[in-house]
Amino acid sequence: MKRRSLIILIALLVLLAFTVQPALADGSYTVQAGDTLSSIAGAYGVSVSQLAAANGLGWNSWVYTGQQLAIPGGGGTASYYSGGYGEHWIDVNLSTQTLTAYEGQVPVYSTLVSTGMWGTPTVVGTFQIYVKHYSALMTGGYGASYYYLPDVPYVMYFYGGYGLHGAYWHNNFGAPMSHGCVNLSVGDAAWLFNWASVGTRVVTHY
């Protein structure tokens, strides 16, 4: 009898270990033993690519027990920011592939953009522009994904190598096209470059 009870207890513990736990109030989730990006995404009704992008991961990345993941659209992870009175700030919606410039809570400019592709997602969060360049050389990747782009116009970096900039090499705005940056048409990038300054807040979210 004791042996049977012990077997049942062990089975219950294993089942609990492989059960996706609820997201925390702040929209984060702590990875449990046996979890995968696919199982977590399925439990919260989001795609694997959305979950990966929200956490700066590739679609086939491994997750580890105890890792904290943001759940897109859950408990405020969309990071909506209302802005102070008259404050210039930029909202980038990765779901709709749109960028809106705000002054306080008033939208003053909106346009289609192209953000990171599947596997090279745009970071999610609240950042600030830390440097501006009228033009810059951008190069990276390897093999078939290698790119060499001279004189990229109106570049504003907001997190590491992630930036807002003009893209003269495509006109497919409204669809993900980049290696993580936020692509704008050259005209839109020029307007934004002249409107924003170092320190302007950039909010990226789904």
N, C-alpha and C. Protein backbone atom coordinates (compact mmCIF):
# COMPACT_ATOMS: atom_id res chain seq x y z
N MET A 1 0.83 -1.20 0.00
CA MET A 1 0.00 0.00 0.00
C MET A 1 0.87 1.26 0.00
N LYS A 2 1.91 1.23 0.87
CA LYS A 2 2.80 2.38 0.94
C LYS A 2 3.52 2.57 -0.39
N ARG A 3 3.90 1.44 -1.00
CA ARG A 3 4.61 1.52 -2.28
C ARG A 3 3.71 2.13 -3.35
N ARG A 4 2.44 1.74 -3.35
CA ARG A 4 1.50 2.28 -4.33
C ARG A 4 1.30 3.78 -4.13
N SER A 5 1.20 4.20 -2.87
CA SER A 5 1.05 5.63 -2.56
C SER A 5 2.27 6.41 -3.02
N LEU A 6 3.45 5.81 -2.83
CA LEU A 6 4.69 6.47 -3.24
C LEU A 6 4.74 6.65 -4.75
N ILE A 7 4.30 5.61 -5.48
CA ILE A 7 4.29 5.68 -6.94
C ILE A 7 3.34 6.77 -7.41
N ILE A 8 2.16 6.86 -6.78
CA ILE A 8 1.18 7.89 -7.15
C ILE A 8 1.75 9.28 -6.88
N LEU A 9 2.43 9.43 -5.73
CA LEU A 9 3.01 10.73 -5.37
C LEU A 9 4.07 11.14 -6.38
N ILE A 10 4.93 10.20 -6.77
CA ILE A 10 5.97 10.49 -7.75
C ILE A 10 5.35 10.89 -9.09
N ALA A 11 4.29 10.17 -9.49
CA ALA A 11 3.62 10.48 -10.75
C ALA A 11 3.03 11.88 -10.73
N LEU A 12 2.45 12.28 -9.60
CA LEU A 12 1.88 13.62 -9.48
C LEU A 12 2.96 14.69 -9.56
N LEU A 13 4.10 14.43 -8.92
CA LEU A 13 5.20 15.40 -8.96
C LEU A 13 5.73 15.57 -10.37
N VAL A 14 5.85 14.47 -11.10
CA VAL A 14 6.31 14.54 -12.49
C VAL A 14 5.32 15.32 -13.33
N LEU A 15 4.03 15.06 -13.12
CA LEU A 15 2.99 15.76 -13.88
C LEU A 15 3.05 17.26 -13.62
N LEU A 16 3.23 17.64 -12.35
CA LEU A 16 3.32 19.06 -12.02
C LEU A 16 4.54 19.70 -12.64
N ALA A 17 5.63 18.97 -12.70
CA ALA A 17 6.87 19.52 -13.26
C ALA A 17 6.73 19.83 -14.73
N PHE A 18 5.86 19.08 -15.42
CA PHE A 18 5.72 19.27 -16.86
C PHE A 18 4.48 20.07 -17.22
N THR A 19 3.83 20.65 -16.21
CA THR A 19 2.64 21.46 -16.45
C THR A 19 3.03 22.92 -16.51
N VAL A 20 2.57 23.64 -17.53
CA VAL A 20 2.88 25.06 -17.64
C VAL A 20 2.19 25.81 -16.52
N GLN A 21 2.98 26.57 -15.76
CA GLN A 21 2.45 27.33 -14.65
C GLN A 21 1.89 28.66 -15.15
N PRO A 22 1.00 29.30 -14.36
CA PRO A 22 0.43 30.57 -14.78
C PRO A 22 1.48 31.65 -14.91
N ALA A 23 1.24 32.60 -15.81
CA ALA A 23 2.12 33.76 -15.91
C ALA A 23 1.96 34.60 -14.67
N LEU A 24 3.03 35.27 -14.27
CA LEU A 24 2.97 36.15 -13.12
C LEU A 24 2.19 37.40 -13.48
N ALA A 25 1.86 38.19 -12.46
CA ALA A 25 1.02 39.37 -12.68
C ALA A 25 1.66 40.36 -13.64
N ASP A 26 3.01 40.37 -13.71
CA ASP A 26 3.66 41.32 -14.59
C ASP A 26 3.80 40.80 -16.01
N GLY A 27 3.17 39.64 -16.32
CA GLY A 27 3.20 39.11 -17.67
C GLY A 27 4.42 38.26 -17.96
N SER A 28 5.15 37.86 -16.92
CA SER A 28 6.31 37.00 -17.12
C SER A 28 5.98 35.57 -16.72
N TYR A 29 6.81 34.65 -17.16
CA TYR A 29 6.60 33.24 -16.86
C TYR A 29 7.95 32.61 -16.50
N THR A 30 7.97 31.81 -15.46
CA THR A 30 9.18 31.11 -15.06
C THR A 30 9.19 29.72 -15.68
N VAL A 31 10.20 29.43 -16.47
CA VAL A 31 10.29 28.16 -17.18
C VAL A 31 10.40 27.00 -16.19
N GLN A 32 9.59 25.96 -16.43
CA GLN A 32 9.58 24.76 -15.60
C GLN A 32 10.32 23.63 -16.33
N ALA A 33 10.68 22.59 -15.59
CA ALA A 33 11.34 21.43 -16.19
C ALA A 33 10.46 20.84 -17.29
N GLY A 34 11.05 20.59 -18.44
CA GLY A 34 10.32 19.99 -19.55
C GLY A 34 9.67 20.98 -20.49
N ASP A 35 9.69 22.27 -20.14
CA ASP A 35 9.09 23.29 -21.01
C ASP A 35 9.91 23.48 -22.29
N THR A 36 9.22 23.87 -23.35
CA THR A 36 9.86 24.31 -24.58
C THR A 36 9.17 25.60 -25.01
N LEU A 37 9.79 26.33 -25.92
CA LEU A 37 9.13 27.53 -26.44
C LEU A 37 7.76 27.18 -27.02
N SER A 38 7.69 26.04 -27.70
CA SER A 38 6.45 25.62 -28.33
C SER A 38 5.36 25.35 -27.30
N SER A 39 5.70 24.64 -26.23
CA SER A 39 4.68 24.30 -25.23
C SER A 39 4.20 25.54 -24.48
N ILE A 40 5.12 26.46 -24.20
CA ILE A 40 4.73 27.69 -23.49
C ILE A 40 3.88 28.57 -24.39
N ALA A 41 4.30 28.71 -25.66
CA ALA A 41 3.52 29.51 -26.60
C ALA A 41 2.11 28.96 -26.75
N GLY A 42 1.99 27.64 -26.87
CA GLY A 42 0.68 27.02 -27.01
C GLY A 42 -0.20 27.24 -25.80
N ALA A 43 0.41 27.22 -24.61
CA ALA A 43 -0.36 27.39 -23.38
C ALA A 43 -0.94 28.79 -23.25
N TYR A 44 -0.25 29.78 -23.84
CA TYR A 44 -0.70 31.17 -23.70
C TYR A 44 -1.30 31.74 -24.98
N GLY A 45 -1.49 30.88 -25.98
CA GLY A 45 -2.18 31.31 -27.18
C GLY A 45 -1.42 32.31 -28.03
N VAL A 46 -0.08 32.21 -28.03
CA VAL A 46 0.74 33.06 -28.89
C VAL A 46 1.57 32.15 -29.79
N SER A 47 2.13 32.72 -30.84
CA SER A 47 2.97 31.91 -31.73
C SER A 47 4.37 31.79 -31.14
N VAL A 48 5.10 30.77 -31.58
CA VAL A 48 6.48 30.59 -31.14
C VAL A 48 7.32 31.80 -31.52
N SER A 49 7.10 32.32 -32.73
CA SER A 49 7.89 33.47 -33.18
C SER A 49 7.61 34.71 -32.33
N GLN A 50 6.35 34.91 -31.92
CA GLN A 50 6.03 36.04 -31.05
C GLN A 50 6.71 35.90 -29.69
N LEU A 51 6.63 34.69 -29.12
CA LEU A 51 7.25 34.46 -27.82
C LEU A 51 8.76 34.63 -27.90
N ALA A 52 9.36 34.09 -28.96
CA ALA A 52 10.81 34.21 -29.13
C ALA A 52 11.21 35.67 -29.29
N ALA A 53 10.48 36.40 -30.14
CA ALA A 53 10.82 37.80 -30.40
C ALA A 53 10.68 38.65 -29.14
N ALA A 54 9.67 38.35 -28.33
CA ALA A 54 9.44 39.12 -27.10
C ALA A 54 10.57 38.95 -26.10
N ASN A 55 11.39 37.91 -26.31
CA ASN A 55 12.47 37.63 -25.37
C ASN A 55 13.85 37.65 -26.01
N GLY A 56 13.91 38.17 -27.26
CA GLY A 56 15.19 38.27 -27.95
C GLY A 56 15.81 36.93 -28.27
N LEU A 57 14.97 35.92 -28.54
CA LEU A 57 15.45 34.57 -28.82
C LEU A 57 15.20 34.20 -30.27
N GLY A 58 15.92 33.21 -30.76
CA GLY A 58 15.61 32.63 -32.05
C GLY A 58 14.46 31.66 -31.90
N TRP A 59 13.78 31.35 -33.01
CA TRP A 59 12.59 30.49 -32.92
C TRP A 59 12.93 29.09 -32.42
N ASN A 60 14.20 28.64 -32.60
CA ASN A 60 14.58 27.29 -32.18
C ASN A 60 15.47 27.30 -30.95
N SER A 61 15.46 28.40 -30.18
CA SER A 61 16.30 28.50 -28.99
C SER A 61 15.84 27.54 -27.90
N TRP A 62 16.80 27.09 -27.10
CA TRP A 62 16.48 26.29 -25.92
C TRP A 62 16.13 27.23 -24.78
N VAL A 63 15.27 26.77 -23.88
CA VAL A 63 15.00 27.50 -22.64
C VAL A 63 15.43 26.61 -21.48
N TYR A 64 15.70 27.21 -20.34
CA TYR A 64 16.19 26.45 -19.21
C TYR A 64 15.31 26.69 -17.97
N THR A 65 15.28 25.71 -17.10
CA THR A 65 14.48 25.79 -15.88
C THR A 65 14.87 27.01 -15.06
N GLY A 66 13.87 27.79 -14.67
CA GLY A 66 14.10 28.99 -13.88
C GLY A 66 14.22 30.26 -14.71
N GLN A 67 14.32 30.12 -16.03
CA GLN A 67 14.43 31.29 -16.91
C GLN A 67 13.13 32.08 -16.89
N GLN A 68 13.23 33.41 -16.86
CA GLN A 68 12.06 34.28 -16.89
C GLN A 68 11.77 34.69 -18.33
N LEU A 69 10.56 34.46 -18.78
CA LEU A 69 10.15 34.84 -20.13
C LEU A 69 8.99 35.82 -20.07
N ALA A 70 9.03 36.82 -20.95
CA ALA A 70 7.89 37.72 -21.10
C ALA A 70 6.86 37.06 -22.00
N ILE A 71 5.59 37.16 -21.63
CA ILE A 71 4.51 36.60 -22.43
C ILE A 71 3.86 37.73 -23.23
N PRO A 72 3.98 37.74 -24.56
CA PRO A 72 3.42 38.83 -25.36
C PRO A 72 1.93 39.00 -25.10
N GLY A 73 1.52 40.23 -24.83
CA GLY A 73 0.11 40.52 -24.64
C GLY A 73 -0.42 40.10 -23.30
N GLY A 74 0.44 39.60 -22.40
CA GLY A 74 -0.05 39.14 -21.10
C GLY A 74 0.43 40.01 -19.97
N GLY A 75 -0.50 40.50 -19.15
CA GLY A 75 -0.14 41.23 -17.95
C GLY A 75 0.70 42.45 -18.18
N GLY A 76 0.51 43.11 -19.31
CA GLY A 76 1.21 44.36 -19.53
C GLY A 76 2.53 44.23 -20.25
N THR A 77 2.86 43.07 -20.80
CA THR A 77 4.14 42.94 -21.48
C THR A 77 4.17 43.72 -22.78
N ALA A 78 3.02 44.21 -23.24
CA ALA A 78 3.02 45.04 -24.44
C ALA A 78 3.67 46.39 -24.18
N SER A 79 3.93 46.72 -22.92
CA SER A 79 4.69 47.90 -22.53
C SER A 79 4.10 49.19 -23.07
N TYR A 80 2.82 49.42 -22.89
CA TYR A 80 2.25 50.68 -23.34
C TYR A 80 2.75 51.81 -22.45
N TYR A 81 3.17 52.89 -23.08
CA TYR A 81 3.71 54.04 -22.36
C TYR A 81 2.89 55.25 -22.75
N SER A 82 2.45 56.04 -21.78
CA SER A 82 1.54 57.15 -22.08
C SER A 82 2.27 58.46 -22.34
N GLY A 83 3.50 58.59 -21.88
CA GLY A 83 4.27 59.81 -22.14
C GLY A 83 3.90 60.95 -21.22
N GLY A 84 4.91 61.73 -20.85
CA GLY A 84 4.67 62.92 -20.05
C GLY A 84 4.13 64.05 -20.93
N TYR A 85 3.67 65.11 -20.31
CA TYR A 85 3.06 66.22 -21.06
C TYR A 85 4.05 66.78 -22.09
N GLY A 86 3.66 66.70 -23.36
CA GLY A 86 4.48 67.23 -24.44
C GLY A 86 5.73 66.43 -24.77
N GLU A 87 5.95 65.32 -24.07
CA GLU A 87 7.17 64.53 -24.28
C GLU A 87 7.18 63.89 -25.67
N HIS A 88 8.30 64.00 -26.36
CA HIS A 88 8.48 63.29 -27.62
C HIS A 88 8.85 61.84 -27.32
N TRP A 89 8.08 60.90 -27.84
CA TRP A 89 8.42 59.49 -27.68
C TRP A 89 7.89 58.71 -28.87
N ILE A 90 8.44 57.53 -29.07
CA ILE A 90 8.16 56.74 -30.28
C ILE A 90 7.61 55.38 -29.88
N ASP A 91 6.49 55.01 -30.47
CA ASP A 91 5.86 53.72 -30.24
C ASP A 91 6.03 52.86 -31.49
N VAL A 92 6.60 51.66 -31.33
CA VAL A 92 6.76 50.72 -32.45
C VAL A 92 5.93 49.48 -32.14
N ASN A 93 4.89 49.26 -32.92
CA ASN A 93 4.01 48.10 -32.73
C ASN A 93 4.47 47.00 -33.68
N LEU A 94 5.05 45.94 -33.10
CA LEU A 94 5.61 44.86 -33.91
C LEU A 94 4.53 43.99 -34.54
N SER A 95 3.34 43.98 -33.95
CA SER A 95 2.24 43.19 -34.51
C SER A 95 1.69 43.82 -35.77
N THR A 96 1.53 45.15 -35.75
CA THR A 96 0.95 45.85 -36.90
C THR A 96 2.00 46.43 -37.83
N GLN A 97 3.28 46.32 -37.43
CA GLN A 97 4.39 46.88 -38.21
C GLN A 97 4.17 48.37 -38.47
N THR A 98 3.87 49.09 -37.39
CA THR A 98 3.65 50.53 -37.49
C THR A 98 4.49 51.26 -36.46
N LEU A 99 4.83 52.49 -36.78
CA LEU A 99 5.52 53.38 -35.85
C LEU A 99 4.69 54.64 -35.71
N THR A 100 4.52 55.09 -34.47
CA THR A 100 3.79 56.33 -34.21
C THR A 100 4.64 57.22 -33.32
N ALA A 101 4.80 58.47 -33.74
CA ALA A 101 5.51 59.46 -32.93
C ALA A 101 4.48 60.23 -32.12
N TYR A 102 4.75 60.38 -30.83
CA TYR A 102 3.82 61.05 -29.93
C TYR A 102 4.47 62.28 -29.31
N GLU A 103 3.63 63.25 -29.02
CA GLU A 103 4.00 64.35 -28.14
C GLU A 103 3.03 64.28 -26.97
N GLY A 104 3.53 63.78 -25.84
CA GLY A 104 2.63 63.45 -24.74
C GLY A 104 1.76 62.28 -25.15
N GLN A 105 0.45 62.46 -25.13
CA GLN A 105 -0.47 61.40 -25.56
C GLN A 105 -1.07 61.69 -26.93
N VAL A 106 -0.52 62.67 -27.63
CA VAL A 106 -1.06 63.07 -28.93
C VAL A 106 -0.18 62.51 -30.05
N PRO A 107 -0.74 61.65 -30.91
CA PRO A 107 0.05 61.15 -32.05
C PRO A 107 0.24 62.26 -33.08
N VAL A 108 1.49 62.45 -33.52
CA VAL A 108 1.78 63.52 -34.48
C VAL A 108 2.27 62.98 -35.82
N TYR A 109 2.61 61.69 -35.86
CA TYR A 109 3.11 61.10 -37.11
C TYR A 109 3.00 59.59 -36.99
N SER A 110 2.55 58.94 -38.06
CA SER A 110 2.44 57.49 -38.04
C SER A 110 2.77 56.94 -39.42
N THR A 111 3.44 55.79 -39.45
CA THR A 111 3.84 55.22 -40.73
C THR A 111 4.07 53.72 -40.59
N LEU A 112 4.09 53.03 -41.72
CA LEU A 112 4.44 51.62 -41.74
C LEU A 112 5.96 51.47 -41.62
N VAL A 113 6.38 50.39 -40.98
CA VAL A 113 7.80 50.10 -40.84
C VAL A 113 8.03 48.62 -41.15
N SER A 114 9.29 48.23 -41.17
CA SER A 114 9.66 46.82 -41.26
C SER A 114 10.61 46.52 -40.11
N THR A 115 10.20 45.60 -39.24
CA THR A 115 11.02 45.25 -38.09
C THR A 115 11.69 43.89 -38.33
N GLY A 116 12.23 43.30 -37.27
CA GLY A 116 13.01 42.08 -37.41
C GLY A 116 12.23 40.89 -37.94
N MET A 117 12.91 40.11 -38.75
CA MET A 117 12.33 38.90 -39.31
C MET A 117 12.36 37.78 -38.27
N TRP A 118 11.68 36.70 -38.60
CA TRP A 118 11.69 35.50 -37.77
C TRP A 118 13.13 34.99 -37.67
N GLY A 119 13.64 34.86 -36.48
CA GLY A 119 15.03 34.45 -36.29
C GLY A 119 15.95 35.60 -35.97
N THR A 120 15.57 36.83 -36.38
CA THR A 120 16.34 38.04 -36.04
C THR A 120 15.37 39.10 -35.54
N PRO A 121 14.68 38.82 -34.44
CA PRO A 121 13.60 39.70 -33.98
C PRO A 121 14.10 41.02 -33.41
N THR A 122 13.23 42.01 -33.47
CA THR A 122 13.48 43.28 -32.82
C THR A 122 13.29 43.12 -31.31
N VAL A 123 14.15 43.75 -30.53
CA VAL A 123 14.01 43.66 -29.07
C VAL A 123 12.71 44.31 -28.63
N VAL A 124 12.19 43.84 -27.51
CA VAL A 124 10.95 44.36 -26.95
C VAL A 124 11.24 45.05 -25.63
N GLY A 125 10.70 46.23 -25.44
CA GLY A 125 10.89 46.93 -24.19
C GLY A 125 10.85 48.44 -24.37
N THR A 126 11.33 49.14 -23.35
CA THR A 126 11.38 50.60 -23.37
C THR A 126 12.83 51.03 -23.33
N PHE A 127 13.22 51.83 -24.32
CA PHE A 127 14.62 52.21 -24.50
C PHE A 127 14.71 53.72 -24.74
N GLN A 128 15.92 54.20 -24.95
CA GLN A 128 16.13 55.60 -25.31
C GLN A 128 17.16 55.69 -26.42
N ILE A 129 16.94 56.61 -27.34
CA ILE A 129 17.93 56.86 -28.39
C ILE A 129 19.21 57.36 -27.72
N TYR A 130 20.33 56.71 -28.04
CA TYR A 130 21.58 57.11 -27.38
C TYR A 130 22.60 57.72 -28.34
N VAL A 131 22.38 57.59 -29.65
CA VAL A 131 23.27 58.23 -30.61
C VAL A 131 22.55 58.36 -31.95
N LYS A 132 22.89 59.40 -32.71
CA LYS A 132 22.29 59.64 -34.02
C LYS A 132 23.40 59.83 -35.05
N HIS A 133 23.17 59.27 -36.26
CA HIS A 133 24.11 59.45 -37.37
C HIS A 133 23.31 59.79 -38.63
N TYR A 134 23.77 60.79 -39.37
CA TYR A 134 23.10 61.10 -40.63
C TYR A 134 23.21 59.93 -41.61
N SER A 135 24.31 59.20 -41.54
CA SER A 135 24.46 57.99 -42.35
C SER A 135 25.47 57.08 -41.68
N ALA A 136 25.37 55.79 -41.98
CA ALA A 136 26.27 54.82 -41.36
C ALA A 136 26.38 53.59 -42.24
N LEU A 137 27.52 52.91 -42.14
CA LEU A 137 27.70 51.62 -42.80
C LEU A 137 27.15 50.54 -41.89
N MET A 138 26.34 49.66 -42.46
CA MET A 138 25.81 48.53 -41.69
C MET A 138 26.21 47.24 -42.39
N THR A 139 26.82 46.35 -41.64
CA THR A 139 27.24 45.07 -42.19
C THR A 139 27.13 44.00 -41.12
N GLY A 140 26.88 42.78 -41.53
CA GLY A 140 26.74 41.70 -40.55
C GLY A 140 26.23 40.43 -41.19
N GLY A 141 25.87 39.48 -40.36
CA GLY A 141 25.40 38.20 -40.85
C GLY A 141 26.54 37.39 -41.45
N TYR A 142 26.20 36.25 -42.02
CA TYR A 142 27.20 35.40 -42.66
C TYR A 142 26.50 34.51 -43.68
N GLY A 143 27.28 34.03 -44.64
CA GLY A 143 26.72 33.17 -45.67
C GLY A 143 25.62 33.87 -46.45
N ALA A 144 24.50 33.17 -46.61
CA ALA A 144 23.38 33.72 -47.37
C ALA A 144 22.74 34.92 -46.69
N SER A 145 22.96 35.07 -45.38
CA SER A 145 22.35 36.19 -44.65
C SER A 145 23.28 37.39 -44.51
N TYR A 146 24.48 37.31 -45.13
CA TYR A 146 25.43 38.42 -45.04
C TYR A 146 24.87 39.66 -45.73
N TYR A 147 25.09 40.82 -45.11
CA TYR A 147 24.65 42.06 -45.75
C TYR A 147 25.73 43.13 -45.58
N TYR A 148 25.82 43.98 -46.59
CA TYR A 148 26.76 45.11 -46.60
C TYR A 148 25.99 46.30 -47.14
N LEU A 149 25.67 47.25 -46.28
CA LEU A 149 24.81 48.37 -46.66
C LEU A 149 25.51 49.69 -46.34
N PRO A 150 26.13 50.30 -47.34
CA PRO A 150 26.80 51.58 -47.11
C PRO A 150 25.79 52.73 -47.07
N ASP A 151 26.16 53.78 -46.37
CA ASP A 151 25.38 55.03 -46.36
C ASP A 151 23.92 54.82 -45.98
N VAL A 152 23.67 54.02 -44.96
CA VAL A 152 22.30 53.88 -44.44
C VAL A 152 21.91 55.22 -43.82
N PRO A 153 20.79 55.81 -44.26
CA PRO A 153 20.48 57.18 -43.83
C PRO A 153 19.69 57.27 -42.52
N TYR A 154 19.92 58.36 -41.82
CA TYR A 154 19.12 58.76 -40.65
C TYR A 154 19.03 57.64 -39.61
N VAL A 155 20.18 57.29 -39.07
CA VAL A 155 20.28 56.18 -38.12
C VAL A 155 20.18 56.71 -36.69
N MET A 156 19.33 56.08 -35.89
CA MET A 156 19.21 56.43 -34.47
C MET A 156 19.21 55.12 -33.68
N TYR A 157 20.32 54.86 -32.98
CA TYR A 157 20.42 53.63 -32.20
C TYR A 157 19.76 53.81 -30.84
N PHE A 158 18.99 52.78 -30.43
CA PHE A 158 18.31 52.87 -29.15
C PHE A 158 18.65 51.72 -28.20
N TYR A 159 19.30 50.66 -28.70
CA TYR A 159 19.71 49.56 -27.83
C TYR A 159 20.78 48.75 -28.56
N GLY A 160 22.03 48.86 -28.10
CA GLY A 160 23.11 48.14 -28.77
C GLY A 160 23.13 48.47 -30.25
N GLY A 161 23.08 47.42 -31.09
CA GLY A 161 23.06 47.62 -32.53
C GLY A 161 21.67 47.76 -33.12
N TYR A 162 20.65 47.86 -32.28
CA TYR A 162 19.28 48.04 -32.76
C TYR A 162 19.00 49.52 -32.95
N GLY A 163 18.48 49.86 -34.11
CA GLY A 163 18.23 51.27 -34.38
C GLY A 163 17.03 51.49 -35.28
N LEU A 164 16.65 52.74 -35.39
CA LEU A 164 15.66 53.22 -36.35
C LEU A 164 16.44 53.83 -37.49
N HIS A 165 16.10 53.51 -38.73
CA HIS A 165 16.85 54.10 -39.84
C HIS A 165 16.09 53.96 -41.15
N GLY A 166 16.52 54.76 -42.12
CA GLY A 166 15.94 54.65 -43.45
C GLY A 166 16.44 53.41 -44.16
N ALA A 167 15.61 52.87 -45.05
CA ALA A 167 15.99 51.68 -45.83
C ALA A 167 15.73 51.98 -47.30
N TYR A 168 16.81 52.09 -48.08
CA TYR A 168 16.69 52.39 -49.50
C TYR A 168 16.66 51.13 -50.36
N TRP A 169 16.84 49.95 -49.74
CA TRP A 169 17.00 48.72 -50.50
C TRP A 169 15.71 47.91 -50.62
N HIS A 170 14.63 48.37 -50.01
CA HIS A 170 13.35 47.68 -50.20
C HIS A 170 12.21 48.68 -50.00
N ASN A 171 11.03 48.29 -50.43
CA ASN A 171 9.84 49.13 -50.28
C ASN A 171 8.68 48.29 -49.76
N ASN A 172 9.01 47.32 -48.92
CA ASN A 172 8.01 46.38 -48.43
C ASN A 172 7.62 46.71 -46.99
N PHE A 173 7.44 47.98 -46.71
CA PHE A 173 7.10 48.40 -45.35
C PHE A 173 5.70 47.90 -44.98
N GLY A 174 5.59 47.46 -43.73
CA GLY A 174 4.36 46.81 -43.28
C GLY A 174 4.56 45.33 -43.08
N ALA A 175 5.77 44.83 -43.43
CA ALA A 175 6.12 43.42 -43.24
C ALA A 175 7.52 43.34 -42.64
N PRO A 176 7.78 42.35 -41.78
CA PRO A 176 9.12 42.20 -41.21
C PRO A 176 10.15 41.95 -42.31
N MET A 177 11.25 42.71 -42.29
CA MET A 177 12.26 42.61 -43.34
C MET A 177 13.68 42.73 -42.81
N SER A 178 13.85 43.09 -41.54
CA SER A 178 15.18 43.48 -41.07
C SER A 178 15.86 42.39 -40.25
N HIS A 179 17.10 42.70 -39.87
CA HIS A 179 17.87 41.84 -38.98
C HIS A 179 17.70 42.27 -37.52
N GLY A 180 16.67 43.05 -37.25
CA GLY A 180 16.37 43.48 -35.89
C GLY A 180 16.11 44.96 -35.75
N CYS A 181 16.64 45.75 -36.69
CA CYS A 181 16.40 47.19 -36.66
C CYS A 181 14.98 47.51 -37.12
N VAL A 182 14.60 48.77 -36.97
CA VAL A 182 13.30 49.24 -37.44
C VAL A 182 13.54 50.03 -38.72
N ASN A 183 13.15 49.45 -39.85
CA ASN A 183 13.31 50.09 -41.16
C ASN A 183 12.16 51.05 -41.44
N LEU A 184 12.50 52.24 -41.94
CA LEU A 184 11.51 53.20 -42.41
C LEU A 184 11.86 53.61 -43.83
N SER A 185 10.88 54.15 -44.55
CA SER A 185 11.21 54.75 -45.83
C SER A 185 12.17 55.91 -45.56
N VAL A 186 12.95 56.29 -46.55
CA VAL A 186 13.93 57.35 -46.35
C VAL A 186 13.25 58.66 -45.94
N GLY A 187 12.10 58.95 -46.55
CA GLY A 187 11.38 60.17 -46.20
C GLY A 187 10.88 60.16 -44.77
N ASP A 188 10.31 59.03 -44.35
CA ASP A 188 9.83 58.91 -42.97
C ASP A 188 10.99 58.98 -41.98
N ALA A 189 12.11 58.33 -42.34
CA ALA A 189 13.27 58.34 -41.45
C ALA A 189 13.82 59.76 -41.28
N ALA A 190 13.80 60.54 -42.36
CA ALA A 190 14.29 61.92 -42.29
C ALA A 190 13.42 62.75 -41.35
N TRP A 191 12.10 62.59 -41.47
CA TRP A 191 11.19 63.34 -40.59
C TRP A 191 11.45 62.98 -39.13
N LEU A 192 11.54 61.67 -38.86
CA LEU A 192 11.73 61.20 -37.49
C LEU A 192 13.07 61.66 -36.93
N PHE A 193 14.10 61.63 -37.77
CA PHE A 193 15.45 62.02 -37.35
C PHE A 193 15.46 63.48 -36.90
N ASN A 194 14.76 64.33 -37.64
CA ASN A 194 14.72 65.75 -37.30
C ASN A 194 13.83 66.05 -36.10
N TRP A 195 12.86 65.18 -35.85
CA TRP A 195 11.91 65.38 -34.75
C TRP A 195 12.45 64.84 -33.42
N ALA A 196 13.13 63.71 -33.47
CA ALA A 196 13.62 63.04 -32.25
C ALA A 196 15.01 63.55 -31.89
N SER A 197 15.40 63.28 -30.67
CA SER A 197 16.73 63.68 -30.20
C SER A 197 17.32 62.57 -29.35
N VAL A 198 18.60 62.68 -29.03
CA VAL A 198 19.21 61.74 -28.11
C VAL A 198 18.44 61.82 -26.78
N GLY A 199 18.03 60.67 -26.27
CA GLY A 199 17.23 60.63 -25.06
C GLY A 199 15.76 60.38 -25.32
N THR A 200 15.31 60.52 -26.58
CA THR A 200 13.91 60.25 -26.90
C THR A 200 13.60 58.78 -26.60
N ARG A 201 12.49 58.56 -25.94
CA ARG A 201 12.10 57.20 -25.54
C ARG A 201 11.55 56.44 -26.74
N VAL A 202 11.92 55.16 -26.83
CA VAL A 202 11.43 54.26 -27.88
C VAL A 202 10.80 53.05 -27.20
N VAL A 203 9.53 52.81 -27.47
CA VAL A 203 8.81 51.68 -26.87
C VAL A 203 8.48 50.69 -27.98
N THR A 204 8.98 49.47 -27.87
CA THR A 204 8.69 48.42 -28.85
C THR A 204 7.87 47.34 -28.17
N HIS A 205 6.82 46.87 -28.84
CA HIS A 205 5.92 45.90 -28.21
C HIS A 205 5.08 45.21 -29.27
N TYR A 206 4.38 44.15 -28.83
CA TYR A 206 3.41 43.46 -29.68
C TYR A 206 2.01 43.95 -29.35
